[in-house]
Amino acid sequence: MVVGRRASRREHLVFLGAGLWLMVGLCLDGWAHRHQPELESFFTPWHAVFYAGFSASVATLAVMVIRRRSQASSLWDAVPTGYELSVVGFGIFAVGGIGDGFWHTIFGVETSVDALLSPTHLLMLVGMSMAVAAPVRDAEAERSEAGTSDALTVSSFLPVILSIGLLTTGVAFFFLYANGFSNWPTTRTYIPNESDLLAGFGVLSTLASTVILLTPTLYVLRRWHTPFGAFTVIYGVVGVFMAGLDAFAEPWQILAPLAGGLTADFVARSLRGSRHLGLGIGLLVPLIMWSVSTLATHLAWTIEWPPELWVGQVVMAMLTGLGLALLTRQPDAGGT
């Protein structure tokens, strides 16, 4: 059977299945660190799942290369289009993983924010991100060759959707200390000049999560006519993993991102082809997403912030989205 240089849809999905395994292992390890702070060993069941997912990802790519080796002039040429940086990423991940074992042996096991800022962990994030983004790079190459950006179906665009979802989840995971969807600072009584630091942390967490979700959204919209449901899936994947880190005790961490993704899908369909698409996304997605988050948090825990704060943070998120949209806005045909 003749196998082309470009990976098939099935190969993409199998590779992303291994990437999902890797992400589950990462989040299981994160859950263990959050809920079992007494954990003091590198050799844990959570690390086993995590590194098994890495091994499965490497094995999946190796199979793709082996299938193409007989038709390629070299081993490197047998790597499917878009997966070249995945090979590099796996190497970076391996260096980070080996270094992590030594790091834990020398300095102990991190259990909180220090785990998210550990240099070896960040090295693994870089490698993992480079690897799981392969279907996006492949789709970029296909788009460049075709020279068109026709409307796509969910089925044909699924590898890109899942790839972006996993990539965004990885970034969101490493910003857990600024997770705006777990908006607990809003439930603390605000006392001017005494609790300003906590209030500022709550607002900045909301803005950080806004940037993490809107950046890939605007990136995708500049390149493809996305099918309806694409962003609901991407945001939903992020929401499920974020809520899972708290054992799904805060289900609004799923509801709010889903509301944001659904809003992005509606705006993308309504303003398709318009230069104002990015502006609509930048303003409406934060408005709906954080309004749902605020309402859900209030119903579950009761918000103690004054209106100036909880309304203001939604407005600030909208202004942040507007700024991102303006930075990524397509220029006029005449260059003005």
C-alpha atoms as a PDB file:
ATOM      1  CA  MET A   1       0.000   0.000   0.000  1.00  0.00           C
ATOM      2  CA  VAL A   2       1.365   3.403  -0.979  1.00  0.00           C
ATOM      3  CA  VAL A   3       1.547   5.798   1.967  1.00  0.00           C
ATOM      4  CA  GLY A   4       1.886   9.516   1.279  1.00  0.00           C
ATOM      5  CA  ARG A   5       4.153  11.933   3.124  1.00  0.00           C
ATOM      6  CA  ARG A   6       1.152  13.603   4.720  1.00  0.00           C
ATOM      7  CA  ALA A   7      -0.430  11.765   7.650  1.00  0.00           C
ATOM      8  CA  SER A   8      -3.973  10.499   7.158  1.00  0.00           C
ATOM      9  CA  ARG A   9      -6.881  11.638   9.298  1.00  0.00           C
ATOM     10  CA  ARG A  10      -6.839   8.286  11.066  1.00  0.00           C
ATOM     11  CA  GLU A  11      -3.126   8.577  11.829  1.00  0.00           C
ATOM     12  CA  HIS A  12      -3.677  12.056  13.237  1.00  0.00           C
ATOM     13  CA  LEU A  13      -6.457  10.802  15.497  1.00  0.00           C
ATOM     14  CA  VAL A  14      -4.453   7.812  16.736  1.00  0.00           C
ATOM     15  CA  PHE A  15      -1.544  10.122  17.510  1.00  0.00           C
ATOM     16  CA  LEU A  16      -3.869  12.521  19.336  1.00  0.00           C
ATOM     17  CA  GLY A  17      -5.346   9.589  21.253  1.00  0.00           C
ATOM     18  CA  ALA A  18      -1.865   8.940  22.620  1.00  0.00           C
ATOM     19  CA  GLY A  19      -1.561  12.674  23.292  1.00  0.00           C
ATOM     20  CA  LEU A  20      -4.826  12.533  25.229  1.00  0.00           C
ATOM     21  CA  TRP A  21      -3.358   9.688  27.291  1.00  0.00           C
ATOM     22  CA  LEU A  22      -0.345  11.884  27.994  1.00  0.00           C
ATOM     23  CA  MET A  23      -2.593  14.790  29.046  1.00  0.00           C
ATOM     24  CA  VAL A  24      -4.673  12.560  31.319  1.00  0.00           C
ATOM     25  CA  GLY A  25      -1.473  11.432  33.002  1.00  0.00           C
ATOM     26  CA  LEU A  26      -0.364  15.036  33.423  1.00  0.00           C
ATOM     27  CA  CYS A  27      -3.648  16.047  35.030  1.00  0.00           C
ATOM     28  CA  LEU A  28      -3.761  12.943  37.229  1.00  0.00           C
ATOM     29  CA  ASP A  29      -0.332  13.906  38.489  1.00  0.00           C
ATOM     30  CA  GLY A  30      -1.568  17.456  39.043  1.00  0.00           C
ATOM     31  CA  TRP A  31      -4.590  16.161  40.949  1.00  0.00           C
ATOM     32  CA  ALA A  32      -2.330  14.019  43.144  1.00  0.00           C
ATOM     33  CA  HIS A  33      -0.092  16.963  43.971  1.00  0.00           C
ATOM     34  CA  ARG A  34      -3.140  19.089  44.871  1.00  0.00           C
ATOM     35  CA  HIS A  35      -4.970  16.461  46.919  1.00  0.00           C
ATOM     36  CA  GLN A  36      -2.123  14.298  48.198  1.00  0.00           C
ATOM     37  CA  PRO A  37       0.534  16.823  49.267  1.00  0.00           C
ATOM     38  CA  GLU A  38       2.298  14.138  51.278  1.00  0.00           C
ATOM     39  CA  LEU A  39       3.414  12.584  47.974  1.00  0.00           C
ATOM     40  CA  GLU A  40       7.204  12.470  48.107  1.00  0.00           C
ATOM     41  CA  SER A  41       8.361  10.131  45.359  1.00  0.00           C
ATOM     42  CA  PHE A  42       9.133  10.319  41.669  1.00  0.00           C
ATOM     43  CA  PHE A  43       7.872   6.741  41.228  1.00  0.00           C
ATOM     44  CA  THR A  44       4.081   7.099  41.487  1.00  0.00           C
ATOM     45  CA  PRO A  45       1.093   5.620  39.581  1.00  0.00           C
ATOM     46  CA  TRP A  46       0.403   9.089  38.170  1.00  0.00           C
ATOM     47  CA  HIS A  47       3.889   9.416  36.729  1.00  0.00           C
ATOM     48  CA  ALA A  48       3.495   5.915  35.296  1.00  0.00           C
ATOM     49  CA  VAL A  49       0.358   6.953  33.398  1.00  0.00           C
ATOM     50  CA  PHE A  50       2.041  10.165  32.267  1.00  0.00           C
ATOM     51  CA  TYR A  51       5.205   8.555  30.939  1.00  0.00           C
ATOM     52  CA  ALA A  52       3.257   5.662  29.433  1.00  0.00           C
ATOM     53  CA  GLY A  53       1.319   8.272  27.442  1.00  0.00           C
ATOM     54  CA  PHE A  54       4.614   9.756  26.285  1.00  0.00           C
ATOM     55  CA  SER A  55       5.852   6.308  25.240  1.00  0.00           C
ATOM     56  CA  ALA A  56       2.617   5.639  23.346  1.00  0.00           C
ATOM     57  CA  SER A  57       2.965   8.970  21.528  1.00  0.00           C
ATOM     58  CA  VAL A  58       6.538   8.182  20.493  1.00  0.00           C
ATOM     59  CA  ALA A  59       5.527   4.680  19.385  1.00  0.00           C
ATOM     60  CA  THR A  60       2.646   6.054  17.302  1.00  0.00           C
ATOM     61  CA  LEU A  61       4.943   8.444  15.465  1.00  0.00           C
ATOM     62  CA  ALA A  62       7.535   5.691  15.015  1.00  0.00           C
ATOM     63  CA  VAL A  63       4.932   3.492  13.302  1.00  0.00           C
ATOM     64  CA  MET A  64       4.075   6.342  10.918  1.00  0.00           C
ATOM     65  CA  VAL A  65       7.755   6.763  10.048  1.00  0.00           C
ATOM     66  CA  ILE A  66       8.294   3.024   9.531  1.00  0.00           C
ATOM     67  CA  ARG A  67       5.321   2.870   7.140  1.00  0.00           C
ATOM     68  CA  ARG A  68       6.952   5.552   4.971  1.00  0.00           C
ATOM     69  CA  ARG A  69      10.583   4.521   5.242  1.00  0.00           C
ATOM     70  CA  SER A  70      10.669   2.383   2.112  1.00  0.00           C
ATOM     71  CA  GLN A  71       9.391   5.278  -0.003  1.00  0.00           C
ATOM     72  CA  ALA A  72      11.679   7.950   1.465  1.00  0.00           C
ATOM     73  CA  SER A  73      15.272   8.797   0.614  1.00  0.00           C
ATOM     74  CA  SER A  74      16.199   9.101   4.284  1.00  0.00           C
ATOM     75  CA  LEU A  75      14.760   8.425   7.715  1.00  0.00           C
ATOM     76  CA  TRP A  76      14.063  12.134   8.223  1.00  0.00           C
ATOM     77  CA  ASP A  77      12.162  12.308   4.929  1.00  0.00           C
ATOM     78  CA  ALA A  78       9.934   9.501   6.217  1.00  0.00           C
ATOM     79  CA  VAL A  79       8.620  11.749   8.999  1.00  0.00           C
ATOM     80  CA  PRO A  80       5.097  12.893   8.019  1.00  0.00           C
ATOM     81  CA  THR A  81       4.551  16.545   7.184  1.00  0.00           C
ATOM     82  CA  GLY A  82       4.045  18.596  10.339  1.00  0.00           C
ATOM     83  CA  TYR A  83       5.602  15.973  12.587  1.00  0.00           C
ATOM     84  CA  GLU A  84       9.206  17.098  12.163  1.00  0.00           C
ATOM     85  CA  LEU A  85       8.960  19.386  15.206  1.00  0.00           C
ATOM     86  CA  SER A  86       7.241  16.569  17.092  1.00  0.00           C
ATOM     87  CA  VAL A  87      10.467  14.570  16.827  1.00  0.00           C
ATOM     88  CA  VAL A  88      12.356  17.530  18.282  1.00  0.00           C
ATOM     89  CA  GLY A  89       9.656  17.981  20.903  1.00  0.00           C
ATOM     90  CA  PHE A  90       9.885  14.379  22.024  1.00  0.00           C
ATOM     91  CA  GLY A  91      13.641  14.826  22.424  1.00  0.00           C
ATOM     92  CA  ILE A  92      13.119  17.935  24.551  1.00  0.00           C
ATOM     93  CA  PHE A  93      10.476  16.119  26.604  1.00  0.00           C
ATOM     94  CA  ALA A  94      12.846  13.187  27.197  1.00  0.00           C
ATOM     95  CA  VAL A  95      15.608  15.520  28.377  1.00  0.00           C
ATOM     96  CA  GLY A  96      13.137  17.216  30.708  1.00  0.00           C
ATOM     97  CA  GLY A  97      11.845  13.880  32.018  1.00  0.00           C
ATOM     98  CA  ILE A  98      15.313  12.535  32.775  1.00  0.00           C
ATOM     99  CA  GLY A  99      16.282  15.839  34.338  1.00  0.00           C
ATOM    100  CA  ASP A 100      13.089  15.775  36.396  1.00  0.00           C
ATOM    101  CA  GLY A 101      14.098  12.487  37.984  1.00  0.00           C
ATOM    102  CA  PHE A 102      17.433  13.975  39.078  1.00  0.00           C
ATOM    103  CA  TRP A 103      15.747  17.214  40.154  1.00  0.00           C
ATOM    104  CA  HIS A 104      13.320  15.360  42.446  1.00  0.00           C
ATOM    105  CA  THR A 105      16.152  13.276  43.874  1.00  0.00           C
ATOM    106  CA  ILE A 106      18.214  16.348  44.719  1.00  0.00           C
ATOM    107  CA  PHE A 107      15.563  18.921  45.649  1.00  0.00           C
ATOM    108  CA  GLY A 108      12.544  16.781  46.542  1.00  0.00           C
ATOM    109  CA  VAL A 109       9.027  16.670  45.053  1.00  0.00           C
ATOM    110  CA  GLU A 110       7.163  19.929  44.454  1.00  0.00           C
ATOM    111  CA  THR A 111       3.540  20.019  45.618  1.00  0.00           C
ATOM    112  CA  SER A 112       2.182  23.458  44.676  1.00  0.00           C
ATOM    113  CA  VAL A 113       3.044  26.439  42.475  1.00  0.00           C
ATOM    114  CA  ASP A 114       6.673  25.381  42.584  1.00  0.00           C
ATOM    115  CA  ALA A 115       5.731  22.285  40.557  1.00  0.00           C
ATOM    116  CA  LEU A 116       4.330  24.486  37.791  1.00  0.00           C
ATOM    117  CA  LEU A 117       7.480  26.604  37.661  1.00  0.00           C
ATOM    118  CA  SER A 118      10.030  23.796  37.939  1.00  0.00           C
ATOM    119  CA  PRO A 119      12.485  24.223  35.017  1.00  0.00           C
ATOM    120  CA  THR A 120      12.359  20.525  34.113  1.00  0.00           C
ATOM    121  CA  HIS A 121       8.564  20.587  34.101  1.00  0.00           C
ATOM    122  CA  LEU A 122       8.539  23.653  31.853  1.00  0.00           C
ATOM    123  CA  LEU A 123      10.972  21.906  29.517  1.00  0.00           C
ATOM    124  CA  MET A 124       8.523  19.007  29.312  1.00  0.00           C
ATOM    125  CA  LEU A 125       5.681  21.456  28.579  1.00  0.00           C
ATOM    126  CA  VAL A 126       7.639  22.857  25.632  1.00  0.00           C
ATOM    127  CA  GLY A 127       8.354  19.402  24.250  1.00  0.00           C
ATOM    128  CA  MET A 128       4.794  18.186  24.767  1.00  0.00           C
ATOM    129  CA  SER A 129       3.360  21.290  23.092  1.00  0.00           C
ATOM    130  CA  MET A 130       5.632  20.908  20.079  1.00  0.00           C
ATOM    131  CA  ALA A 131       4.564  17.281  19.739  1.00  0.00           C
ATOM    132  CA  VAL A 132       0.764  17.558  20.001  1.00  0.00           C
ATOM    133  CA  ALA A 133       0.654  20.527  17.600  1.00  0.00           C
ATOM    134  CA  ALA A 134       1.629  18.310  14.635  1.00  0.00           C
ATOM    135  CA  PRO A 135      -1.893  18.075  13.096  1.00  0.00           C
ATOM    136  CA  VAL A 136      -2.136  21.873  13.196  1.00  0.00           C
ATOM    137  CA  ARG A 137       1.173  22.241  11.361  1.00  0.00           C
ATOM    138  CA  ASP A 138       0.048  19.672   8.805  1.00  0.00           C
ATOM    139  CA  ALA A 139      -3.215  21.549   8.245  1.00  0.00           C
ATOM    140  CA  GLU A 140      -1.233  24.789   7.860  1.00  0.00           C
ATOM    141  CA  ALA A 141       0.937  23.161   5.193  1.00  0.00           C
ATOM    142  CA  GLU A 142      -2.119  21.843   3.359  1.00  0.00           C
ATOM    143  CA  ARG A 143      -3.763  25.255   3.489  1.00  0.00           C
ATOM    144  CA  SER A 144      -0.637  26.945   2.106  1.00  0.00           C
ATOM    145  CA  GLU A 145      -0.423  24.488  -0.785  1.00  0.00           C
ATOM    146  CA  ALA A 146      -4.119  24.706  -1.624  1.00  0.00           C
ATOM    147  CA  GLY A 147      -4.204  28.489  -1.317  1.00  0.00           C
ATOM    148  CA  THR A 148      -7.825  28.393  -0.139  1.00  0.00           C
ATOM    149  CA  SER A 149      -9.701  28.429   3.162  1.00  0.00           C
ATOM    150  CA  ASP A 150     -12.948  26.703   2.329  1.00  0.00           C
ATOM    151  CA  ALA A 151     -15.533  25.841   4.972  1.00  0.00           C
ATOM    152  CA  LEU A 152     -14.728  22.602   6.742  1.00  0.00           C
ATOM    153  CA  THR A 153     -16.753  19.908   8.463  1.00  0.00           C
ATOM    154  CA  VAL A 154     -16.273  18.875  12.071  1.00  0.00           C
ATOM    155  CA  SER A 155     -15.128  15.454  10.865  1.00  0.00           C
ATOM    156  CA  SER A 156     -12.428  16.766   8.527  1.00  0.00           C
ATOM    157  CA  PHE A 157     -11.299  19.436  10.995  1.00  0.00           C
ATOM    158  CA  LEU A 158     -11.342  17.155  14.053  1.00  0.00           C
ATOM    159  CA  PRO A 159      -7.550  16.579  14.198  1.00  0.00           C
ATOM    160  CA  VAL A 160      -6.956  20.338  14.360  1.00  0.00           C
ATOM    161  CA  ILE A 161      -9.746  20.795  16.917  1.00  0.00           C
ATOM    162  CA  LEU A 162      -8.355  18.130  19.239  1.00  0.00           C
ATOM    163  CA  SER A 163      -4.768  19.251  18.727  1.00  0.00           C
ATOM    164  CA  ILE A 164      -5.630  22.840  19.687  1.00  0.00           C
ATOM    165  CA  GLY A 165      -7.688  21.547  22.623  1.00  0.00           C
ATOM    166  CA  LEU A 166      -4.791  19.507  24.028  1.00  0.00           C
ATOM    167  CA  LEU A 167      -2.277  22.269  23.398  1.00  0.00           C
ATOM    168  CA  THR A 168      -4.460  24.850  25.172  1.00  0.00           C
ATOM    169  CA  THR A 169      -5.097  22.464  28.056  1.00  0.00           C
ATOM    170  CA  GLY A 170      -1.366  22.000  28.566  1.00  0.00           C
ATOM    171  CA  VAL A 171      -0.834  25.756  28.756  1.00  0.00           C
ATOM    172  CA  ALA A 172      -3.838  26.209  31.076  1.00  0.00           C
ATOM    173  CA  PHE A 173      -2.498  23.453  33.333  1.00  0.00           C
ATOM    174  CA  PHE A 174       0.780  25.276  33.846  1.00  0.00           C
ATOM    175  CA  PHE A 175      -1.167  28.422  34.771  1.00  0.00           C
ATOM    176  CA  LEU A 176      -3.246  26.689  37.439  1.00  0.00           C
ATOM    177  CA  TYR A 177      -2.121  29.272  39.956  1.00  0.00           C
ATOM    178  CA  ALA A 178      -4.033  31.780  37.809  1.00  0.00           C
ATOM    179  CA  ASN A 179      -7.099  29.709  36.911  1.00  0.00           C
ATOM    180  CA  GLY A 180      -9.918  32.204  36.470  1.00  0.00           C
ATOM    181  CA  PHE A 181     -12.570  29.480  36.263  1.00  0.00           C
ATOM    182  CA  SER A 182     -12.011  28.587  39.908  1.00  0.00           C
ATOM    183  CA  ASN A 183     -12.946  32.115  40.897  1.00  0.00           C
ATOM    184  CA  TRP A 184     -12.741  31.668  44.679  1.00  0.00           C
ATOM    185  CA  PRO A 185     -11.371  35.181  45.451  1.00  0.00           C
ATOM    186  CA  THR A 186     -14.808  36.583  44.536  1.00  0.00           C
ATOM    187  CA  THR A 187     -16.296  34.704  47.499  1.00  0.00           C
ATOM    188  CA  ARG A 188     -14.098  36.537  50.022  1.00  0.00           C
ATOM    189  CA  THR A 189     -15.306  39.780  51.578  1.00  0.00           C
ATOM    190  CA  TYR A 190     -13.573  42.740  49.989  1.00  0.00           C
ATOM    191  CA  ILE A 191     -12.136  45.258  52.435  1.00  0.00           C
ATOM    192  CA  PRO A 192     -10.541  48.274  50.713  1.00  0.00           C
ATOM    193  CA  ASN A 193      -6.814  48.629  51.418  1.00  0.00           C
ATOM    194  CA  GLU A 194      -6.780  45.304  53.265  1.00  0.00           C
ATOM    195  CA  SER A 195      -7.780  42.718  50.640  1.00  0.00           C
ATOM    196  CA  ASP A 196      -6.617  44.512  47.504  1.00  0.00           C
ATOM    197  CA  LEU A 197      -3.940  41.896  46.831  1.00  0.00           C
ATOM    198  CA  LEU A 198      -6.470  39.060  46.859  1.00  0.00           C
ATOM    199  CA  ALA A 199      -8.886  41.025  44.680  1.00  0.00           C
ATOM    200  CA  GLY A 200      -6.112  41.837  42.222  1.00  0.00           C
ATOM    201  CA  PHE A 201      -5.165  38.151  42.093  1.00  0.00           C
ATOM    202  CA  GLY A 202      -8.774  37.240  41.234  1.00  0.00           C
ATOM    203  CA  VAL A 203      -8.973  39.794  38.424  1.00  0.00           C
ATOM    204  CA  LEU A 204      -5.577  38.867  36.986  1.00  0.00           C
ATOM    205  CA  SER A 205      -6.530  35.169  37.031  1.00  0.00           C
ATOM    206  CA  THR A 206      -9.610  35.969  34.946  1.00  0.00           C
ATOM    207  CA  LEU A 207      -7.506  37.951  32.474  1.00  0.00           C
ATOM    208  CA  ALA A 208      -4.877  35.188  32.248  1.00  0.00           C
ATOM    209  CA  SER A 209      -7.524  32.574  31.415  1.00  0.00           C
ATOM    210  CA  THR A 210      -9.025  34.951  28.856  1.00  0.00           C
ATOM    211  CA  VAL A 211      -5.700  35.252  27.046  1.00  0.00           C
ATOM    212  CA  ILE A 212      -5.063  31.498  27.188  1.00  0.00           C
ATOM    213  CA  LEU A 213      -8.384  30.710  25.471  1.00  0.00           C
ATOM    214  CA  LEU A 214      -8.727  33.644  23.083  1.00  0.00           C
ATOM    215  CA  THR A 215      -5.210  33.404  21.643  1.00  0.00           C
ATOM    216  CA  PRO A 216      -5.732  29.993  19.953  1.00  0.00           C
ATOM    217  CA  THR A 217      -9.281  31.023  19.001  1.00  0.00           C
ATOM    218  CA  LEU A 218      -8.098  34.068  17.061  1.00  0.00           C
ATOM    219  CA  TYR A 219      -5.209  32.065  15.609  1.00  0.00           C
ATOM    220  CA  VAL A 220      -7.571  29.452  14.194  1.00  0.00           C
ATOM    221  CA  LEU A 221     -10.057  32.010  12.862  1.00  0.00           C
ATOM    222  CA  ARG A 222      -7.344  33.822  10.898  1.00  0.00           C
ATOM    223  CA  ARG A 223      -6.558  30.619   9.025  1.00  0.00           C
ATOM    224  CA  TRP A 224      -9.710  28.558   8.579  1.00  0.00           C
ATOM    225  CA  HIS A 225     -13.473  28.837   8.192  1.00  0.00           C
ATOM    226  CA  THR A 226     -14.199  26.727  11.216  1.00  0.00           C
ATOM    227  CA  PRO A 227     -17.189  24.366  11.376  1.00  0.00           C
ATOM    228  CA  PHE A 228     -19.835  25.067  13.982  1.00  0.00           C
ATOM    229  CA  GLY A 229     -18.958  23.250  17.194  1.00  0.00           C
ATOM    230  CA  ALA A 230     -15.173  23.501  16.816  1.00  0.00           C
ATOM    231  CA  PHE A 231     -14.698  25.972  19.647  1.00  0.00           C
ATOM    232  CA  THR A 232     -17.277  24.319  21.859  1.00  0.00           C
ATOM    233  CA  VAL A 233     -15.132  21.177  21.710  1.00  0.00           C
ATOM    234  CA  ILE A 234     -11.847  23.049  22.256  1.00  0.00           C
ATOM    235  CA  TYR A 235     -13.155  25.033  25.215  1.00  0.00           C
ATOM    236  CA  GLY A 236     -14.945  21.959  26.560  1.00  0.00           C
ATOM    237  CA  VAL A 237     -11.748  19.906  26.543  1.00  0.00           C
ATOM    238  CA  VAL A 238     -10.001  22.606  28.555  1.00  0.00           C
ATOM    239  CA  GLY A 239     -12.942  22.880  30.954  1.00  0.00           C
ATOM    240  CA  VAL A 240     -13.167  19.149  31.596  1.00  0.00           C
ATOM    241  CA  PHE A 241      -9.474  18.880  32.459  1.00  0.00           C
ATOM    242  CA  MET A 242      -9.530  21.989  34.672  1.00  0.00           C
ATOM    243  CA  ALA A 243     -12.584  20.740  36.573  1.00  0.00           C
ATOM    244  CA  GLY A 244     -11.062  17.273  36.839  1.00  0.00           C
ATOM    245  CA  LEU A 245      -8.098  18.690  38.737  1.00  0.00           C
ATOM    246  CA  ASP A 246     -10.566  19.578  41.503  1.00  0.00           C
ATOM    247  CA  ALA A 247     -12.336  16.211  41.258  1.00  0.00           C
ATOM    248  CA  PHE A 248     -15.249  17.955  39.476  1.00  0.00           C
ATOM    249  CA  ALA A 249     -16.232  19.680  42.719  1.00  0.00           C
ATOM    250  CA  GLU A 250     -16.599  22.925  40.736  1.00  0.00           C
ATOM    251  CA  PRO A 251     -18.667  21.988  37.649  1.00  0.00           C
ATOM    252  CA  TRP A 252     -18.909  25.611  36.518  1.00  0.00           C
ATOM    253  CA  GLN A 253     -15.307  25.188  35.404  1.00  0.00           C
ATOM    254  CA  ILE A 254     -16.861  23.177  32.575  1.00  0.00           C
ATOM    255  CA  LEU A 255     -20.017  25.262  32.094  1.00  0.00           C
ATOM    256  CA  ALA A 256     -18.262  28.615  31.698  1.00  0.00           C
ATOM    257  CA  PRO A 257     -15.750  27.463  29.024  1.00  0.00           C
ATOM    258  CA  LEU A 258     -18.532  25.629  27.177  1.00  0.00           C
ATOM    259  CA  ALA A 259     -20.571  28.843  27.142  1.00  0.00           C
ATOM    260  CA  GLY A 260     -17.535  30.696  25.801  1.00  0.00           C
ATOM    261  CA  GLY A 261     -16.878  28.103  23.115  1.00  0.00           C
ATOM    262  CA  LEU A 262     -20.505  28.056  22.033  1.00  0.00           C
ATOM    263  CA  THR A 263     -20.449  31.853  21.815  1.00  0.00           C
ATOM    264  CA  ALA A 264     -17.323  31.698  19.661  1.00  0.00           C
ATOM    265  CA  ASP A 265     -19.053  29.228  17.325  1.00  0.00           C
ATOM    266  CA  PHE A 266     -22.138  31.437  16.973  1.00  0.00           C
ATOM    267  CA  VAL A 267     -20.077  34.573  16.351  1.00  0.00           C
ATOM    268  CA  ALA A 268     -17.824  32.759  13.866  1.00  0.00           C
ATOM    269  CA  ARG A 269     -20.867  31.584  11.899  1.00  0.00           C
ATOM    270  CA  SER A 270     -22.641  34.946  12.066  1.00  0.00           C
ATOM    271  CA  LEU A 271     -19.651  37.104  11.093  1.00  0.00           C
ATOM    272  CA  ARG A 272     -17.878  34.709   8.734  1.00  0.00           C
ATOM    273  CA  GLY A 273     -16.027  36.708   6.099  1.00  0.00           C
ATOM    274  CA  SER A 274     -16.344  39.957   8.028  1.00  0.00           C
ATOM    275  CA  ARG A 275     -13.313  41.953   9.145  1.00  0.00           C
ATOM    276  CA  HIS A 276     -15.118  42.439  12.430  1.00  0.00           C
ATOM    277  CA  LEU A 277     -15.115  38.737  13.273  1.00  0.00           C
ATOM    278  CA  GLY A 278     -12.144  39.013  15.609  1.00  0.00           C
ATOM    279  CA  LEU A 279     -13.638  42.025  17.373  1.00  0.00           C
ATOM    280  CA  GLY A 280     -16.892  40.163  17.901  1.00  0.00           C
ATOM    281  CA  ILE A 281     -15.015  37.191  19.349  1.00  0.00           C
ATOM    282  CA  GLY A 282     -12.832  39.378  21.550  1.00  0.00           C
ATOM    283  CA  LEU A 283     -15.800  41.185  23.088  1.00  0.00           C
ATOM    284  CA  LEU A 284     -18.584  38.605  23.224  1.00  0.00           C
ATOM    285  CA  VAL A 285     -16.725  35.473  24.278  1.00  0.00           C
ATOM    286  CA  PRO A 286     -15.347  37.031  27.514  1.00  0.00           C
ATOM    287  CA  LEU A 287     -18.715  38.674  28.209  1.00  0.00           C
ATOM    288  CA  ILE A 288     -20.680  35.432  28.065  1.00  0.00           C
ATOM    289  CA  MET A 289     -17.996  33.165  29.495  1.00  0.00           C
ATOM    290  CA  TRP A 290     -17.256  35.225  32.606  1.00  0.00           C
ATOM    291  CA  SER A 291     -20.889  36.184  33.146  1.00  0.00           C
ATOM    292  CA  VAL A 292     -21.748  32.480  33.294  1.00  0.00           C
ATOM    293  CA  SER A 293     -18.763  31.843  35.567  1.00  0.00           C
ATOM    294  CA  THR A 294     -19.793  34.685  37.899  1.00  0.00           C
ATOM    295  CA  LEU A 295     -23.421  33.570  38.057  1.00  0.00           C
ATOM    296  CA  ALA A 296     -22.485  29.930  38.684  1.00  0.00           C
ATOM    297  CA  THR A 297     -19.992  30.890  41.379  1.00  0.00           C
ATOM    298  CA  HIS A 298     -22.607  33.060  43.075  1.00  0.00           C
ATOM    299  CA  LEU A 299     -25.224  30.291  43.040  1.00  0.00           C
ATOM    300  CA  ALA A 300     -22.730  27.780  44.449  1.00  0.00           C
ATOM    301  CA  TRP A 301     -20.770  29.860  46.941  1.00  0.00           C
ATOM    302  CA  THR A 302     -22.216  33.448  47.012  1.00  0.00           C
ATOM    303  CA  ILE A 303     -20.073  36.264  45.648  1.00  0.00           C
ATOM    304  CA  GLU A 304     -19.001  38.764  48.293  1.00  0.00           C
ATOM    305  CA  TRP A 305     -17.315  41.257  46.006  1.00  0.00           C
ATOM    306  CA  PRO A 306     -19.028  44.614  45.376  1.00  0.00           C
ATOM    307  CA  PRO A 307     -20.443  45.157  41.854  1.00  0.00           C
ATOM    308  CA  GLU A 308     -17.511  47.374  40.913  1.00  0.00           C
ATOM    309  CA  LEU A 309     -15.212  44.370  41.178  1.00  0.00           C
ATOM    310  CA  TRP A 310     -17.202  41.475  39.782  1.00  0.00           C
ATOM    311  CA  VAL A 311     -18.686  43.527  36.933  1.00  0.00           C
ATOM    312  CA  GLY A 312     -15.397  45.319  36.379  1.00  0.00           C
ATOM    313  CA  GLN A 313     -13.439  42.112  35.911  1.00  0.00           C
ATOM    314  CA  VAL A 314     -15.843  41.035  33.164  1.00  0.00           C
ATOM    315  CA  VAL A 315     -15.363  44.399  31.436  1.00  0.00           C
ATOM    316  CA  MET A 316     -11.591  44.098  31.831  1.00  0.00           C
ATOM    317  CA  ALA A 317     -11.717  40.643  30.229  1.00  0.00           C
ATOM    318  CA  MET A 318     -13.673  42.132  27.311  1.00  0.00           C
ATOM    319  CA  LEU A 319     -11.095  44.892  26.891  1.00  0.00           C
ATOM    320  CA  THR A 320      -8.332  42.276  26.953  1.00  0.00           C
ATOM    321  CA  GLY A 321     -10.150  40.325  24.255  1.00  0.00           C
ATOM    322  CA  LEU A 322     -10.582  43.507  22.234  1.00  0.00           C
ATOM    323  CA  GLY A 323      -6.854  44.203  22.460  1.00  0.00           C
ATOM    324  CA  LEU A 324      -5.967  40.701  21.284  1.00  0.00           C
ATOM    325  CA  ALA A 325      -8.435  41.005  18.409  1.00  0.00           C
ATOM    326  CA  LEU A 326      -6.948  44.315  17.281  1.00  0.00           C
ATOM    327  CA  LEU A 327      -3.443  42.848  17.348  1.00  0.00           C
ATOM    328  CA  THR A 328      -4.492  39.951  15.123  1.00  0.00           C
ATOM    329  CA  ARG A 329      -6.891  41.856  12.857  1.00  0.00           C
ATOM    330  CA  GLN A 330      -6.482  41.325   9.137  1.00  0.00           C
ATOM    331  CA  PRO A 331      -5.319  44.480   7.290  1.00  0.00           C
ATOM    332  CA  ASP A 332      -7.409  46.002   4.538  1.00  0.00           C
ATOM    333  CA  ALA A 333      -6.754  44.793   1.006  1.00  0.00           C
ATOM    334  CA  GLY A 334      -5.003  48.080   0.270  1.00  0.00           C
ATOM    335  CA  GLY A 335      -2.718  47.688   3.256  1.00  0.00           C
ATOM    336  CA  THR A 336      -4.339  50.453   5.294  1.00  0.00           C
END
